[in-house]
PDB file of N, CA and C in Angstrom:
ATOM      1  N   ASP A   1       1.077  -1.522  -0.077  1.00  0.00           N
ATOM      2  CA  ASP A   1       0.272   0.021   0.156  1.00  0.00           C
ATOM      3  C   ASP A   1       0.359   1.396   0.142  1.00  0.00           C
ATOM      4  N   THR A   2       0.882   1.379  -0.948  1.00  0.00           N
ATOM      5  CA  THR A   2       1.710   2.918  -1.188  1.00  0.00           C
ATOM      6  C   THR A   2       0.733   4.459  -0.877  1.00  0.00           C
ATOM      7  N   SER A   3      -0.651   4.372  -0.322  1.00  0.00           N
ATOM      8  CA  SER A   3      -1.246   5.687  -0.478  1.00  0.00           C
ATOM      9  C   SER A   3      -0.139   6.494   0.662  1.00  0.00           C
ATOM     10  N   ASP A   4       0.241   6.435   1.102  1.00  0.00           N
ATOM     11  CA  ASP A   4       1.407   7.129   2.669  1.00  0.00           C
ATOM     12  C   ASP A   4       2.443   7.741   2.180  1.00  0.00           C
ATOM     13  N   TYR A   5       2.523   7.201   0.299  1.00  0.00           N
ATOM     14  CA  TYR A   5       3.974   7.713   0.435  1.00  0.00           C
ATOM     15  C   TYR A   5       4.419   8.312  -0.372  1.00  0.00           C
ATOM     16  N   HIS A   6       4.534  10.046  -0.150  1.00  0.00           N
ATOM     17  CA  HIS A   6       4.294  11.186  -1.016  1.00  0.00           C
ATOM     18  C   HIS A   6       6.140  11.579  -1.101  1.00  0.00           C
ATOM     19  N   GLY A   7       6.814  10.704  -1.026  1.00  0.00           N
ATOM     20  CA  GLY A   7       8.539  11.097  -1.079  1.00  0.00           C
ATOM     21  C   GLY A   7       8.899  12.397  -0.254  1.00  0.00           C
ATOM     22  N   ASN A   8       8.394  11.864   0.982  1.00  0.00           N
ATOM     23  CA  ASN A   8       8.765  12.787   1.980  1.00  0.00           C
ATOM     24  C   ASN A   8       9.521  11.617   3.269  1.00  0.00           C
ATOM     25  N   PRO A   9      10.484  12.100   4.104  1.00  0.00           N
ATOM     26  CA  PRO A   9      10.680  10.840   5.108  1.00  0.00           C
ATOM     27  C   PRO A   9       9.711  11.297   6.084  1.00  0.00           C
ATOM     28  N   GLY A  10       9.672   9.866   6.312  1.00  0.00           N
ATOM     29  CA  GLY A  10       8.289   9.446   7.511  1.00  0.00           C
ATOM     30  C   GLY A  10       7.555   8.838   6.702  1.00  0.00           C
ATOM     31  N   ASP A  11       7.463   9.200   5.362  1.00  0.00           N
ATOM     32  CA  ASP A  11       6.107   8.631   4.835  1.00  0.00           C
ATOM     33  C   ASP A  11       6.192   6.955   4.668  1.00  0.00           C
ATOM     34  N   LYS A  12       5.182   6.117   5.178  1.00  0.00           N
ATOM     35  CA  LYS A  12       4.904   5.218   5.671  1.00  0.00           C
ATOM     36  C   LYS A  12       4.505   3.997   4.004  1.00  0.00           C
ATOM     37  N   ILE A  13       4.772   2.957   3.777  1.00  0.00           N
ATOM     38  CA  ILE A  13       4.742   2.322   3.226  1.00  0.00           C
ATOM     39  C   ILE A  13       4.640   0.601   3.469  1.00  0.00           C
ATOM     40  N   LYS A  14       2.764   0.027   2.736  1.00  0.00           N
ATOM     41  CA  LYS A  14       2.793  -0.792   3.916  1.00  0.00           C
ATOM     42  C   LYS A  14       2.879  -2.389   3.249  1.00  0.00           C
ATOM     43  N   VAL A  15       3.544  -3.417   3.684  1.00  0.00           N
ATOM     44  CA  VAL A  15       3.090  -4.404   2.805  1.00  0.00           C
ATOM     45  C   VAL A  15       2.489  -5.659   3.777  1.00  0.00           C
ATOM     46  N   THR A  16       2.013  -5.847   3.301  1.00  0.00           N
ATOM     47  CA  THR A  16       0.800  -7.278   3.678  1.00  0.00           C
ATOM     48  C   THR A  16       1.487  -8.352   3.119  1.00  0.00           C
ATOM     49  N   ALA A  17       2.139  -9.552   4.107  1.00  0.00           N
ATOM     50  CA  ALA A  17       2.589 -10.246   3.595  1.00  0.00           C
ATOM     51  C   ALA A  17       2.602 -11.415   5.180  1.00  0.00           C
ATOM     52  N   GLY A  18       2.275 -12.908   4.396  1.00  0.00           N
ATOM     53  CA  GLY A  18       1.684 -13.824   5.278  1.00  0.00           C
ATOM     54  C   GLY A  18       2.518 -14.991   4.529  1.00  0.00           C
ATOM     55  N   ASP A  19       2.955 -16.213   4.834  1.00  0.00           N
ATOM     56  CA  ASP A  19       3.080 -17.332   4.631  1.00  0.00           C
ATOM     57  C   ASP A  19       2.853 -18.566   5.842  1.00  0.00           C
ATOM     58  N   ASP A  20       2.798 -19.744   4.532  1.00  0.00           N
ATOM     59  CA  ASP A  20       2.381 -21.087   5.605  1.00  0.00           C
ATOM     60  C   ASP A  20       3.557 -21.399   7.050  1.00  0.00           C
ATOM     61  N   PHE A  21       4.700 -20.611   6.701  1.00  0.00           N
ATOM     62  CA  PHE A  21       5.968 -20.776   7.251  1.00  0.00           C
ATOM     63  C   PHE A  21       6.259 -19.612   7.723  1.00  0.00           C
ATOM     64  N   LYS A  22       7.757 -19.258   9.072  1.00  0.00           N
ATOM     65  CA  LYS A  22       7.763 -18.190   9.414  1.00  0.00           C
ATOM     66  C   LYS A  22       8.533 -17.076   8.275  1.00  0.00           C
ATOM     67  N   LEU A  23       7.957 -15.671   8.329  1.00  0.00           N
ATOM     68  CA  LEU A  23       8.743 -14.869   7.282  1.00  0.00           C
ATOM     69  C   LEU A  23       9.972 -14.384   8.042  1.00  0.00           C
ATOM     70  N   THR A  24      11.267 -14.468   7.498  1.00  0.00           N
ATOM     71  CA  THR A  24      12.660 -14.185   7.747  1.00  0.00           C
ATOM     72  C   THR A  24      12.728 -12.991   7.922  1.00  0.00           C
ATOM     73  N   SER A  25      12.473 -11.998   6.443  1.00  0.00           N
ATOM     74  CA  SER A  25      12.438 -10.455   6.278  1.00  0.00           C
ATOM     75  C   SER A  25      11.574 -10.042   5.371  1.00  0.00           C
ATOM     76  N   VAL A  26      10.931  -8.744   5.832  1.00  0.00           N
ATOM     77  CA  VAL A  26      10.237  -7.820   4.723  1.00  0.00           C
ATOM     78  C   VAL A  26      10.886  -6.751   3.762  1.00  0.00           C
ATOM     79  N   THR A  27      11.117  -6.572   3.128  1.00  0.00           N
ATOM     80  CA  THR A  27      12.064  -4.958   2.802  1.00  0.00           C
ATOM     81  C   THR A  27      11.329  -4.713   1.552  1.00  0.00           C
ATOM     82  N   VAL A  28      12.286  -3.186   1.778  1.00  0.00           N
ATOM     83  CA  VAL A  28      11.540  -2.600   0.498  1.00  0.00           C
ATOM     84  C   VAL A  28      12.131  -2.099  -0.390  1.00  0.00           C
ATOM     85  N   LYS A  29      12.534  -1.325  -1.635  1.00  0.00           N
ATOM     86  CA  LYS A  29      13.823  -0.316  -2.555  1.00  0.00           C
ATOM     87  C   LYS A  29      12.931  -0.349  -2.819  1.00  0.00           C
ATOM     88  N   ILE A  30      13.079   1.185  -2.696  1.00  0.00           N
ATOM     89  CA  ILE A  30      12.411   2.222  -4.154  1.00  0.00           C
ATOM     90  C   ILE A  30      13.963   2.874  -5.002  1.00  0.00           C
ATOM     91  N   SER A  31      13.221   2.906  -5.849  1.00  0.00           N
ATOM     92  CA  SER A  31      14.323   3.336  -7.292  1.00  0.00           C
ATOM     93  C   SER A  31      13.521   3.912  -8.412  1.00  0.00           C
ATOM     94  N   GLY A  32      14.449   4.976  -8.365  1.00  0.00           N
ATOM     95  CA  GLY A  32      14.209   6.203  -9.361  1.00  0.00           C
ATOM     96  C   GLY A  32      13.591   5.694 -10.606  1.00  0.00           C
ATOM     97  N   SER A  33      13.023   6.734 -11.850  1.00  0.00           N
ATOM     98  CA  SER A  33      12.370   5.953 -12.641  1.00  0.00           C
ATOM     99  C   SER A  33      13.738   5.610 -13.809  1.00  0.00           C
ATOM    100  N   ASP A  34      14.564   6.115 -13.391  1.00  0.00           N
ATOM    101  CA  ASP A  34      16.549   6.361 -14.473  1.00  0.00           C
ATOM    102  C   ASP A  34      16.806   4.480 -13.620  1.00  0.00           C
ATOM    103  N   GLY A  35      15.951   3.771 -12.717  1.00  0.00           N
ATOM    104  CA  GLY A  35      16.576   2.572 -12.421  1.00  0.00           C
ATOM    105  C   GLY A  35      17.939   2.620 -10.839  1.00  0.00           C
ATOM    106  N   ASN A  36      18.115   4.127 -10.753  1.00  0.00           N
ATOM    107  CA  ASN A  36      18.736   4.517  -9.452  1.00  0.00           C
ATOM    108  C   ASN A  36      18.684   4.091  -8.264  1.00  0.00           C
ATOM    109  N   ILE A  37      18.644   3.419  -7.421  1.00  0.00           N
ATOM    110  CA  ILE A  37      18.413   3.292  -5.645  1.00  0.00           C
ATOM    111  C   ILE A  37      18.240   4.403  -4.920  1.00  0.00           C
ATOM    112  N   ILE A  38      16.654   4.486  -4.308  1.00  0.00           N
ATOM    113  CA  ILE A  38      17.155   6.140  -3.812  1.00  0.00           C
ATOM    114  C   ILE A  38      17.087   5.953  -1.987  1.00  0.00           C
ATOM    115  N   GLU A  39      16.145   4.284  -1.878  1.00  0.00           N
ATOM    116  CA  GLU A  39      16.926   4.190  -0.830  1.00  0.00           C
ATOM    117  C   GLU A  39      15.467   2.301  -0.732  1.00  0.00           C
ATOM    118  N   GLU A  40      16.312   1.896   1.023  1.00  0.00           N
ATOM    119  CA  GLU A  40      16.107   0.574   0.503  1.00  0.00           C
ATOM    120  C   GLU A  40      16.327   0.164   2.405  1.00  0.00           C
ATOM    121  N   GLY A  41      15.391  -0.988   2.967  1.00  0.00           N
ATOM    122  CA  GLY A  41      15.347  -1.221   4.369  1.00  0.00           C
ATOM    123  C   GLY A  41      13.949  -2.037   4.185  1.00  0.00           C
ATOM    124  N   ASP A  42      14.594  -2.524   6.159  1.00  0.00           N
ATOM    125  CA  ASP A  42      13.695  -3.674   6.369  1.00  0.00           C
ATOM    126  C   ASP A  42      12.248  -3.029   7.431  1.00  0.00           C
ATOM    127  N   CYS A  43      11.615  -3.952   7.095  1.00  0.00           N
ATOM    128  CA  CYS A  43      10.580  -3.526   7.411  1.00  0.00           C
ATOM    129  C   CYS A  43       9.814  -4.081   8.497  1.00  0.00           C
ATOM    130  N   VAL A  44       9.214  -3.282   9.384  1.00  0.00           N
ATOM    131  CA  VAL A  44       8.839  -3.720  10.909  1.00  0.00           C
ATOM    132  C   VAL A  44       7.379  -4.251  11.102  1.00  0.00           C
ATOM    133  N   LEU A  45       7.063  -5.131  11.998  1.00  0.00           N
ATOM    134  CA  LEU A  45       5.731  -5.438  11.619  1.00  0.00           C
ATOM    135  C   LEU A  45       4.998  -4.752  12.809  1.00  0.00           C
ATOM    136  N   ASN A  46       3.783  -4.516  12.248  1.00  0.00           N
ATOM    137  CA  ASN A  46       2.882  -3.458  12.802  1.00  0.00           C
ATOM    138  C   ASN A  46       1.773  -4.571  13.534  1.00  0.00           C
ATOM    139  N   MET A  47       1.608  -4.572  14.309  1.00  0.00           N
ATOM    140  CA  MET A  47       1.034  -5.771  14.838  1.00  0.00           C
ATOM    141  C   MET A  47      -0.705  -5.002  14.777  1.00  0.00           C
ATOM    142  N   PRO A  48      -0.597  -4.384  15.201  1.00  0.00           N
ATOM    143  CA  PRO A  48      -2.446  -4.096  15.164  1.00  0.00           C
ATOM    144  C   PRO A  48      -2.929  -3.550  13.921  1.00  0.00           C
ATOM    145  N   ALA A  49      -1.938  -3.581  13.010  1.00  0.00           N
ATOM    146  CA  ALA A  49      -2.974  -3.216  11.666  1.00  0.00           C
ATOM    147  C   ALA A  49      -2.511  -4.611  11.092  1.00  0.00           C
ATOM    148  N   GLY A  50      -1.909  -5.064  11.683  1.00  0.00           N
ATOM    149  CA  GLY A  50      -1.649  -6.672  10.031  1.00  0.00           C
ATOM    150  C   GLY A  50      -0.378  -6.858   9.409  1.00  0.00           C
ATOM    151  N   ALA A  51       0.298  -5.385   9.162  1.00  0.00           N
ATOM    152  CA  ALA A  51       1.099  -5.314   7.916  1.00  0.00           C
ATOM    153  C   ALA A  51       2.549  -4.892   8.295  1.00  0.00           C
ATOM    154  N   TYR A  52       3.033  -5.308   7.297  1.00  0.00           N
ATOM    155  CA  TYR A  52       4.582  -4.910   7.821  1.00  0.00           C
ATOM    156  C   TYR A  52       4.701  -2.782   7.492  1.00  0.00           C
ATOM    157  N   GLU A  53       5.804  -2.467   7.389  1.00  0.00           N
ATOM    158  CA  GLU A  53       5.817  -1.048   7.610  1.00  0.00           C
ATOM    159  C   GLU A  53       7.486  -0.452   7.565  1.00  0.00           C
ATOM    160  N   TYR A  54       7.300   0.141   6.038  1.00  0.00           N
ATOM    161  CA  TYR A  54       8.315   0.429   5.595  1.00  0.00           C
ATOM    162  C   TYR A  54       8.168   1.810   6.137  1.00  0.00           C
ATOM    163  N   THR A  55       9.524   3.132   7.158  1.00  0.00           N
ATOM    164  CA  THR A  55       9.498   4.214   6.834  1.00  0.00           C
ATOM    165  C   THR A  55      10.781   4.903   6.160  1.00  0.00           C
ATOM    166  N   SER A  56       9.848   5.732   5.245  1.00  0.00           N
ATOM    167  CA  SER A  56      10.627   6.841   4.290  1.00  0.00           C
ATOM    168  C   SER A  56      11.575   7.348   4.745  1.00  0.00           C
ATOM    169  N   THR A  57      13.330   7.323   4.428  1.00  0.00           N
ATOM    170  CA  THR A  57      13.834   8.464   5.186  1.00  0.00           C
ATOM    171  C   THR A  57      14.442   9.389   4.616  1.00  0.00           C
ATOM    172  N   MET A  58      14.253   9.179   2.655  1.00  0.00           N
ATOM    173  CA  MET A  58      14.995   9.940   1.970  1.00  0.00           C
ATOM    174  C   MET A  58      13.766  11.458   1.141  1.00  0.00           C
ATOM    175  N   LYS A  59      13.998  12.193   1.086  1.00  0.00           N
ATOM    176  CA  LYS A  59      12.902  13.214  -0.173  1.00  0.00           C
ATOM    177  C   LYS A  59      13.111  13.134  -1.586  1.00  0.00           C
ATOM    178  N   HIS A  60      12.458  12.487  -1.899  1.00  0.00           N
ATOM    179  CA  HIS A  60      12.010  11.975  -3.345  1.00  0.00           C
ATOM    180  C   HIS A  60      10.949  13.306  -4.026  1.00  0.00           C
ATOM    181  N   THR A  61      11.535  14.173  -4.300  1.00  0.00           N
ATOM    182  CA  THR A  61      10.127  14.750  -5.365  1.00  0.00           C
ATOM    183  C   THR A  61       9.614  14.544  -6.716  1.00  0.00           C
ATOM    184  N   THR A  62      10.486  14.031  -7.454  1.00  0.00           N
ATOM    185  CA  THR A  62      10.220  12.923  -8.468  1.00  0.00           C
ATOM    186  C   THR A  62       9.334  11.666  -8.531  1.00  0.00           C
ATOM    187  N   LEU A  63       8.155  11.995  -7.914  1.00  0.00           N
ATOM    188  CA  LEU A  63       7.556  10.621  -8.231  1.00  0.00           C
ATOM    189  C   LEU A  63       7.182   9.650  -9.299  1.00  0.00           C
ATOM    190  N   ALA A  64       6.873  10.699 -10.145  1.00  0.00           N
ATOM    191  CA  ALA A  64       6.504   9.956 -11.657  1.00  0.00           C
ATOM    192  C   ALA A  64       7.114   8.301 -11.741  1.00  0.00           C
ATOM    193  N   GLY A  65       6.496   7.881 -12.427  1.00  0.00           N
ATOM    194  CA  GLY A  65       7.792   6.557 -12.669  1.00  0.00           C
ATOM    195  C   GLY A  65       8.578   5.260 -11.174  1.00  0.00           C
ATOM    196  N   THR A  66       8.839   5.816 -10.490  1.00  0.00           N
ATOM    197  CA  THR A  66       9.454   5.456  -9.403  1.00  0.00           C
ATOM    198  C   THR A  66       8.813   4.515  -8.543  1.00  0.00           C
ATOM    199  N   VAL A  67       9.260   3.329  -8.627  1.00  0.00           N
ATOM    200  CA  VAL A  67       9.699   2.033  -8.052  1.00  0.00           C
ATOM    201  C   VAL A  67       9.531   1.778  -7.182  1.00  0.00           C
ATOM    202  N   ILE A  68       8.562   0.623  -6.487  1.00  0.00           N
ATOM    203  CA  ILE A  68       8.464   0.938  -5.029  1.00  0.00           C
ATOM    204  C   ILE A  68       8.655  -1.022  -4.733  1.00  0.00           C
ATOM    205  N   ARG A  69       9.633  -1.571  -5.033  1.00  0.00           N
ATOM    206  CA  ARG A  69       9.318  -3.102  -4.673  1.00  0.00           C
ATOM    207  C   ARG A  69       9.619  -3.767  -3.415  1.00  0.00           C
ATOM    208  N   ALA A  70       9.071  -4.313  -3.046  1.00  0.00           N
ATOM    209  CA  ALA A  70       8.245  -5.023  -1.638  1.00  0.00           C
ATOM    210  C   ALA A  70       9.226  -6.205  -2.161  1.00  0.00           C
ATOM    211  N   GLN A  71      10.003  -7.207  -0.840  1.00  0.00           N
ATOM    212  CA  GLN A  71      10.202  -8.534  -1.085  1.00  0.00           C
ATOM    213  C   GLN A  71      10.201  -9.122   0.234  1.00  0.00           C
ATOM    214  N   ALA A  72       9.179 -10.649   0.643  1.00  0.00           N
ATOM    215  CA  ALA A  72       9.434 -11.178   1.628  1.00  0.00           C
ATOM    216  C   ALA A  72      10.251 -12.206   1.463  1.00  0.00           C
ATOM    217  N   LYS A  73      10.901 -12.909   2.563  1.00  0.00           N
ATOM    218  CA  LYS A  73      11.162 -13.827   2.303  1.00  0.00           C
ATOM    219  C   LYS A  73      10.992 -14.688   3.633  1.00  0.00           C
ATOM    220  N   ASP A  74      11.154 -16.378   3.509  1.00  0.00           N
ATOM    221  CA  ASP A  74      10.539 -17.398   4.808  1.00  0.00           C
ATOM    222  C   ASP A  74      11.395 -17.974   5.020  1.00  0.00           C
ATOM    223  N   LEU A  75      11.216 -19.457   6.093  1.00  0.00           N
ATOM    224  CA  LEU A  75      12.270 -19.476   6.264  1.00  0.00           C
ATOM    225  C   LEU A  75      12.760 -20.870   5.517  1.00  0.00           C
ATOM    226  N   PRO A  76      11.956 -21.252   4.657  1.00  0.00           N
ATOM    227  CA  PRO A  76      13.046 -22.269   3.753  1.00  0.00           C
ATOM    228  C   PRO A  76      13.168 -22.018   2.943  1.00  0.00           C
ATOM    229  N   GLY A  77      13.309 -20.369   2.980  1.00  0.00           N
ATOM    230  CA  GLY A  77      14.591 -19.645   1.827  1.00  0.00           C
ATOM    231  C   GLY A  77      13.427 -19.111   0.275  1.00  0.00           C
ATOM    232  N   ASN A  78      11.921 -19.159   0.404  1.00  0.00           N
ATOM    233  CA  ASN A  78      11.682 -18.834  -0.433  1.00  0.00           C
ATOM    234  C   ASN A  78      11.656 -17.489  -0.992  1.00  0.00           C
ATOM    235  N   VAL A  79      11.827 -17.016  -1.961  1.00  0.00           N
ATOM    236  CA  VAL A  79      11.456 -15.558  -1.553  1.00  0.00           C
ATOM    237  C   VAL A  79      10.495 -15.051  -3.123  1.00  0.00           C
ATOM    238  N   LYS A  80       9.323 -14.160  -2.470  1.00  0.00           N
ATOM    239  CA  LYS A  80       8.452 -13.015  -2.900  1.00  0.00           C
ATOM    240  C   LYS A  80       8.371 -11.562  -3.397  1.00  0.00           C
ATOM    241  N   GLU A  81       8.239 -11.891  -4.518  1.00  0.00           N
ATOM    242  CA  GLU A  81       8.644  -9.978  -5.024  1.00  0.00           C
ATOM    243  C   GLU A  81       7.552  -8.910  -5.211  1.00  0.00           C
ATOM    244  N   LEU A  82       7.191  -8.078  -4.632  1.00  0.00           N
ATOM    245  CA  LEU A  82       5.736  -7.495  -5.804  1.00  0.00           C
ATOM    246  C   LEU A  82       6.241  -6.071  -5.908  1.00  0.00           C
ATOM    247  N   SER A  83       5.881  -5.879  -7.317  1.00  0.00           N
ATOM    248  CA  SER A  83       6.553  -4.100  -7.803  1.00  0.00           C
ATOM    249  C   SER A  83       5.806  -3.019  -7.925  1.00  0.00           C
ATOM    250  N   VAL A  84       5.537  -1.865  -7.736  1.00  0.00           N
ATOM    251  CA  VAL A  84       4.335  -0.938  -8.046  1.00  0.00           C
ATOM    252  C   VAL A  84       4.913   0.091  -8.689  1.00  0.00           C
ATOM    253  N   THR A  85       4.333   0.689  -9.680  1.00  0.00           N
ATOM    254  CA  THR A  85       5.285   1.789 -10.123  1.00  0.00           C
ATOM    255  C   THR A  85       4.654   3.299  -9.919  1.00  0.00           C
ATOM    256  N   LEU A  86       4.903   3.944  -9.630  1.00  0.00           N
ATOM    257  CA  LEU A  86       3.742   5.046  -9.229  1.00  0.00           C
ATOM    258  C   LEU A  86       4.008   6.234 -10.846  1.00  0.00           C
TER     259      LEU A  86
END
């Protein structure tokens, strides 16, 4: 859910991820339209919301074409990704 991301530090990106096994990590990578990585990092599980959250740390003013990629890894080592282009 990228609806709360506006390119400002402190903006939230929410990732809903689950697995039959245990998830070992959920990460987010934000890339500009040119493919350069703007920022990336680990998500934190927000138990009341039931979603993982990434809090942006960088100012990014050109949102058109920005790619936000979420990646979830589980205990057996399986990886799933989902990308959203703004």
